[in-house]
């Protein structure tokens, strides 16, 4: 399939205006990156995140904002799975890829016990990353600081923007080819 990233042109009039040092603006920009071409979903997730943050101090050095974001995007624009939960990982990535009418070829039959016995989440993440790169997307994972895996998918053309934005947000991310 061809790279369809040209279908998702940036539209400055759709992006809200925020102060440069505004943490919610950075979160909005992250949601914009992980929901390419889907402003409605990005806005729904942003509103869910803001509701979760209501009453919380707006301190970007506190990582609680990221966990609230994880809850707002889970299974729609993000994944969070236990280190050994390959079934949930595959289901989450398949659902996320379906947003762009893509299907991930996992390299074998996941229902086959012999194949599935040797597969773990990091291996599956690397497979998904490689397959989605063929279509112009990048699987990202962020450091949960524990024994779980979390991340999202964005357009490959936004790789540098993703790294820069996550650096400013204080989120350690890596491409799915290099899981934490």
C-alpha atoms as a PDB file:
ATOM      1  CA  UNK A   1       0.000   0.000   0.000  1.00  0.00           C
ATOM      2  CA  UNK A   2       1.200   3.530  -0.651  1.00  0.00           C
ATOM      3  CA  UNK A   3       2.147   5.991   2.051  1.00  0.00           C
ATOM      4  CA  UNK A   4      -1.057   7.938   2.719  1.00  0.00           C
ATOM      5  CA  UNK A   5       0.514  10.552   4.980  1.00  0.00           C
ATOM      6  CA  UNK A   6      -0.342  13.252   2.426  1.00  0.00           C
ATOM      7  CA  UNK A   7      -4.002  12.703   3.324  1.00  0.00           C
ATOM      8  CA  UNK A   8      -3.330  14.265   6.714  1.00  0.00           C
ATOM      9  CA  UNK A   9      -2.215  17.773   5.935  1.00  0.00           C
ATOM     10  CA  UNK A  10      -1.609  20.051   8.893  1.00  0.00           C
ATOM     11  CA  UNK A  11      -4.337  22.605   9.287  1.00  0.00           C
ATOM     12  CA  UNK A  12      -3.302  25.594  11.354  1.00  0.00           C
ATOM     13  CA  UNK A  13      -6.861  26.857  11.673  1.00  0.00           C
ATOM     14  CA  UNK A  14      -7.901  23.647  13.478  1.00  0.00           C
ATOM     15  CA  UNK A  15      -5.185  23.882  16.108  1.00  0.00           C
ATOM     16  CA  UNK A  16      -6.036  25.969  19.173  1.00  0.00           C
ATOM     17  CA  UNK A  17      -3.681  28.785  20.111  1.00  0.00           C
ATOM     18  CA  UNK A  18      -1.838  28.477  23.437  1.00  0.00           C
ATOM     19  CA  UNK A  19       1.017  30.225  25.160  1.00  0.00           C
ATOM     20  CA  UNK A  20       4.372  28.693  24.348  1.00  0.00           C
ATOM     21  CA  UNK A  21       4.994  27.554  27.950  1.00  0.00           C
ATOM     22  CA  UNK A  22       1.474  26.165  28.384  1.00  0.00           C
ATOM     23  CA  UNK A  23       1.627  22.484  29.416  1.00  0.00           C
ATOM     24  CA  UNK A  24      -1.928  21.731  28.191  1.00  0.00           C
ATOM     25  CA  UNK A  25      -0.897  23.113  24.788  1.00  0.00           C
ATOM     26  CA  UNK A  26       1.885  20.566  24.628  1.00  0.00           C
ATOM     27  CA  UNK A  27      -0.520  17.787  25.576  1.00  0.00           C
ATOM     28  CA  UNK A  28      -2.873  18.995  22.828  1.00  0.00           C
ATOM     29  CA  UNK A  29       0.026  18.881  20.346  1.00  0.00           C
ATOM     30  CA  UNK A  30       0.808  15.315  21.406  1.00  0.00           C
ATOM     31  CA  UNK A  31      -2.830  14.332  20.901  1.00  0.00           C
ATOM     32  CA  UNK A  32      -2.731  16.031  17.508  1.00  0.00           C
ATOM     33  CA  UNK A  33       0.263  13.861  16.553  1.00  0.00           C
ATOM     34  CA  UNK A  34      -1.258  10.568  17.725  1.00  0.00           C
ATOM     35  CA  UNK A  35      -4.633  11.225  16.108  1.00  0.00           C
ATOM     36  CA  UNK A  36      -3.559  12.272  12.592  1.00  0.00           C
ATOM     37  CA  UNK A  37      -6.456  13.555  10.552  1.00  0.00           C
ATOM     38  CA  UNK A  38      -8.927  13.024  13.416  1.00  0.00           C
ATOM     39  CA  UNK A  39      -9.441  16.308  15.207  1.00  0.00           C
ATOM     40  CA  UNK A  40     -12.692  15.127  16.821  1.00  0.00           C
ATOM     41  CA  UNK A  41     -11.020  12.201  18.566  1.00  0.00           C
ATOM     42  CA  UNK A  42      -8.078  14.375  19.633  1.00  0.00           C
ATOM     43  CA  UNK A  43     -10.495  16.923  21.093  1.00  0.00           C
ATOM     44  CA  UNK A  44     -12.511  14.230  22.916  1.00  0.00           C
ATOM     45  CA  UNK A  45      -9.321  12.845  24.427  1.00  0.00           C
ATOM     46  CA  UNK A  46      -8.094  16.316  25.346  1.00  0.00           C
ATOM     47  CA  UNK A  47     -11.383  17.061  27.106  1.00  0.00           C
ATOM     48  CA  UNK A  48     -11.248  13.685  28.939  1.00  0.00           C
ATOM     49  CA  UNK A  49      -7.689  14.460  30.011  1.00  0.00           C
ATOM     50  CA  UNK A  50      -8.679  17.944  31.224  1.00  0.00           C
ATOM     51  CA  UNK A  51     -11.598  16.492  33.190  1.00  0.00           C
ATOM     52  CA  UNK A  52      -9.262  13.983  34.827  1.00  0.00           C
ATOM     53  CA  UNK A  53      -6.891  16.848  35.682  1.00  0.00           C
ATOM     54  CA  UNK A  54      -9.643  19.059  37.156  1.00  0.00           C
ATOM     55  CA  UNK A  55      -8.541  20.190  40.577  1.00  0.00           C
ATOM     56  CA  UNK A  56      -5.009  18.882  40.071  1.00  0.00           C
ATOM     57  CA  UNK A  57      -2.131  21.294  40.183  1.00  0.00           C
ATOM     58  CA  UNK A  58      -0.866  22.005  36.668  1.00  0.00           C
ATOM     59  CA  UNK A  59       2.646  20.824  37.366  1.00  0.00           C
ATOM     60  CA  UNK A  60       4.266  19.274  34.317  1.00  0.00           C
ATOM     61  CA  UNK A  61       7.092  17.891  36.466  1.00  0.00           C
ATOM     62  CA  UNK A  62       4.554  15.608  38.161  1.00  0.00           C
ATOM     63  CA  UNK A  63       4.051  12.534  35.961  1.00  0.00           C
ATOM     64  CA  UNK A  64       0.393  12.099  36.971  1.00  0.00           C
ATOM     65  CA  UNK A  65      -0.626  14.068  33.881  1.00  0.00           C
ATOM     66  CA  UNK A  66       0.835  11.280  31.702  1.00  0.00           C
ATOM     67  CA  UNK A  67      -1.116   8.583  33.524  1.00  0.00           C
ATOM     68  CA  UNK A  68      -4.301  10.629  33.095  1.00  0.00           C
ATOM     69  CA  UNK A  69      -3.461  10.925  29.402  1.00  0.00           C
ATOM     70  CA  UNK A  70      -2.920   7.163  29.197  1.00  0.00           C
ATOM     71  CA  UNK A  71      -6.454   6.660  30.509  1.00  0.00           C
ATOM     72  CA  UNK A  72      -7.899   9.202  28.064  1.00  0.00           C
ATOM     73  CA  UNK A  73      -6.332   7.570  24.975  1.00  0.00           C
ATOM     74  CA  UNK A  74      -6.302   3.890  25.976  1.00  0.00           C
ATOM     75  CA  UNK A  75      -7.261   1.533  23.127  1.00  0.00           C
ATOM     76  CA  UNK A  76      -8.207   4.405  20.806  1.00  0.00           C
ATOM     77  CA  UNK A  77      -4.916   6.205  20.294  1.00  0.00           C
ATOM     78  CA  UNK A  78      -2.719   4.455  22.837  1.00  0.00           C
ATOM     79  CA  UNK A  79      -1.942   1.144  24.473  1.00  0.00           C
ATOM     80  CA  UNK A  80      -0.990   0.062  27.968  1.00  0.00           C
ATOM     81  CA  UNK A  81      -0.453  -3.640  28.624  1.00  0.00           C
ATOM     82  CA  UNK A  82       1.160  -5.888  31.181  1.00  0.00           C
ATOM     83  CA  UNK A  83       4.604  -7.163  30.186  1.00  0.00           C
ATOM     84  CA  UNK A  84       3.277 -10.647  29.418  1.00  0.00           C
ATOM     85  CA  UNK A  85      -0.172  -9.807  27.992  1.00  0.00           C
ATOM     86  CA  UNK A  86       0.457 -10.478  24.311  1.00  0.00           C
ATOM     87  CA  UNK A  87      -3.248 -10.939  23.542  1.00  0.00           C
ATOM     88  CA  UNK A  88      -4.187  -7.468  24.784  1.00  0.00           C
ATOM     89  CA  UNK A  89      -1.221  -5.929  22.988  1.00  0.00           C
ATOM     90  CA  UNK A  90      -2.211  -7.495  19.659  1.00  0.00           C
ATOM     91  CA  UNK A  91      -5.865  -6.513  20.138  1.00  0.00           C
ATOM     92  CA  UNK A  92      -4.951  -2.897  21.005  1.00  0.00           C
ATOM     93  CA  UNK A  93      -2.548  -2.453  18.088  1.00  0.00           C
ATOM     94  CA  UNK A  94      -4.957  -4.107  15.652  1.00  0.00           C
ATOM     95  CA  UNK A  95      -7.732  -1.755  16.779  1.00  0.00           C
ATOM     96  CA  UNK A  96      -5.497   1.300  16.524  1.00  0.00           C
ATOM     97  CA  UNK A  97      -4.213   0.322  13.051  1.00  0.00           C
ATOM     98  CA  UNK A  98      -7.785  -0.234  11.875  1.00  0.00           C
ATOM     99  CA  UNK A  99      -8.373   3.529  12.296  1.00  0.00           C
ATOM    100  CA  UNK A 100      -6.369   3.922   9.092  1.00  0.00           C
ATOM    101  CA  UNK A 101      -7.764   0.757   7.473  1.00  0.00           C
ATOM    102  CA  UNK A 102      -4.479  -1.070   8.086  1.00  0.00           C
ATOM    103  CA  UNK A 103      -3.921  -4.645   9.131  1.00  0.00           C
ATOM    104  CA  UNK A 104      -0.743  -5.744  10.887  1.00  0.00           C
ATOM    105  CA  UNK A 105       0.815  -8.977   9.647  1.00  0.00           C
ATOM    106  CA  UNK A 106       2.190 -10.477  12.867  1.00  0.00           C
ATOM    107  CA  UNK A 107       4.468 -13.025  11.182  1.00  0.00           C
ATOM    108  CA  UNK A 108       2.505 -16.106  12.099  1.00  0.00           C
ATOM    109  CA  UNK A 109      -0.703 -17.461  13.577  1.00  0.00           C
ATOM    110  CA  UNK A 110      -1.009 -16.115  17.102  1.00  0.00           C
ATOM    111  CA  UNK A 111      -3.525 -18.896  17.852  1.00  0.00           C
ATOM    112  CA  UNK A 112      -0.829 -21.487  17.093  1.00  0.00           C
ATOM    113  CA  UNK A 113       0.657 -22.520  20.455  1.00  0.00           C
ATOM    114  CA  UNK A 114       4.065 -23.251  18.952  1.00  0.00           C
ATOM    115  CA  UNK A 115       4.300 -19.796  17.377  1.00  0.00           C
ATOM    116  CA  UNK A 116       2.785 -17.920  20.316  1.00  0.00           C
ATOM    117  CA  UNK A 117       4.965 -19.686  22.903  1.00  0.00           C
ATOM    118  CA  UNK A 118       8.070 -17.827  21.754  1.00  0.00           C
ATOM    119  CA  UNK A 119       6.436 -14.412  21.310  1.00  0.00           C
ATOM    120  CA  UNK A 120       6.502 -11.639  23.892  1.00  0.00           C
ATOM    121  CA  UNK A 121       5.283  -8.036  23.891  1.00  0.00           C
ATOM    122  CA  UNK A 122       8.673  -6.515  22.891  1.00  0.00           C
ATOM    123  CA  UNK A 123       8.889  -8.885  19.906  1.00  0.00           C
ATOM    124  CA  UNK A 124       5.336  -8.069  18.855  1.00  0.00           C
ATOM    125  CA  UNK A 125       5.985  -4.342  19.269  1.00  0.00           C
ATOM    126  CA  UNK A 126       9.009  -4.561  16.979  1.00  0.00           C
ATOM    127  CA  UNK A 127       6.948  -6.488  14.400  1.00  0.00           C
ATOM    128  CA  UNK A 128       4.120  -3.919  14.545  1.00  0.00           C
ATOM    129  CA  UNK A 129       6.644  -1.087  14.267  1.00  0.00           C
ATOM    130  CA  UNK A 130       8.237  -2.619  11.163  1.00  0.00           C
ATOM    131  CA  UNK A 131       4.899  -3.408   9.487  1.00  0.00           C
ATOM    132  CA  UNK A 132       3.396   0.026  10.153  1.00  0.00           C
ATOM    133  CA  UNK A 133       6.547   1.831   8.966  1.00  0.00           C
ATOM    134  CA  UNK A 134       5.784   0.331   5.550  1.00  0.00           C
ATOM    135  CA  UNK A 135       2.587   2.416   5.540  1.00  0.00           C
ATOM    136  CA  UNK A 136       4.093   5.630   6.898  1.00  0.00           C
ATOM    137  CA  UNK A 137       3.443   5.168  10.634  1.00  0.00           C
ATOM    138  CA  UNK A 138       5.649   4.763  13.695  1.00  0.00           C
ATOM    139  CA  UNK A 139       4.829   2.808  16.840  1.00  0.00           C
ATOM    140  CA  UNK A 140       6.160   4.645  19.886  1.00  0.00           C
ATOM    141  CA  UNK A 141       6.541   3.372  23.437  1.00  0.00           C
ATOM    142  CA  UNK A 142       7.152   5.376  26.567  1.00  0.00           C
ATOM    143  CA  UNK A 143       8.961   4.415  29.733  1.00  0.00           C
ATOM    144  CA  UNK A 144       6.348   3.344  32.297  1.00  0.00           C
ATOM    145  CA  UNK A 145       8.983   2.808  34.949  1.00  0.00           C
ATOM    146  CA  UNK A 146       7.494  -0.631  35.609  1.00  0.00           C
ATOM    147  CA  UNK A 147       6.783  -3.966  34.042  1.00  0.00           C
ATOM    148  CA  UNK A 148       4.197  -2.751  31.564  1.00  0.00           C
ATOM    149  CA  UNK A 149       4.362  -1.389  28.018  1.00  0.00           C
ATOM    150  CA  UNK A 150       2.643   1.781  26.865  1.00  0.00           C
ATOM    151  CA  UNK A 151       2.680   3.882  23.738  1.00  0.00           C
ATOM    152  CA  UNK A 152       0.923   5.185  20.661  1.00  0.00           C
ATOM    153  CA  UNK A 153       1.142   5.406  16.872  1.00  0.00           C
ATOM    154  CA  UNK A 154       1.891   8.537  14.840  1.00  0.00           C
ATOM    155  CA  UNK A 155       2.782   9.387  11.276  1.00  0.00           C
ATOM    156  CA  UNK A 156       6.390   8.579  10.372  1.00  0.00           C
ATOM    157  CA  UNK A 157       6.863  12.068   8.955  1.00  0.00           C
ATOM    158  CA  UNK A 158       6.304  13.399  12.499  1.00  0.00           C
ATOM    159  CA  UNK A 159       9.115  11.362  14.100  1.00  0.00           C
ATOM    160  CA  UNK A 160      11.316  14.389  14.820  1.00  0.00           C
ATOM    161  CA  UNK A 161       8.369  16.400  16.138  1.00  0.00           C
ATOM    162  CA  UNK A 162       7.397  13.492  18.404  1.00  0.00           C
ATOM    163  CA  UNK A 163      10.903  13.246  19.856  1.00  0.00           C
ATOM    164  CA  UNK A 164      11.141  17.010  20.383  1.00  0.00           C
ATOM    165  CA  UNK A 165       7.685  17.323  21.943  1.00  0.00           C
ATOM    166  CA  UNK A 166       8.163  14.349  24.254  1.00  0.00           C
ATOM    167  CA  UNK A 167      11.509  15.759  25.338  1.00  0.00           C
ATOM    168  CA  UNK A 168       9.850  19.055  26.274  1.00  0.00           C
ATOM    169  CA  UNK A 169       7.074  17.142  28.073  1.00  0.00           C
ATOM    170  CA  UNK A 170       9.636  15.064  29.957  1.00  0.00           C
ATOM    171  CA  UNK A 171       8.416  11.760  28.506  1.00  0.00           C
ATOM    172  CA  UNK A 172      11.082   9.254  27.567  1.00  0.00           C
ATOM    173  CA  UNK A 173       9.961   7.639  24.298  1.00  0.00           C
ATOM    174  CA  UNK A 174      11.488   5.211  21.863  1.00  0.00           C
ATOM    175  CA  UNK A 175      10.359   3.735  18.568  1.00  0.00           C
ATOM    176  CA  UNK A 176       8.626   0.383  18.901  1.00  0.00           C
ATOM    177  CA  UNK A 177      11.667  -1.282  17.368  1.00  0.00           C
ATOM    178  CA  UNK A 178      13.460  -0.531  20.663  1.00  0.00           C
ATOM    179  CA  UNK A 179      11.015  -1.241  23.535  1.00  0.00           C
ATOM    180  CA  UNK A 180      11.848  -0.306  27.126  1.00  0.00           C
END
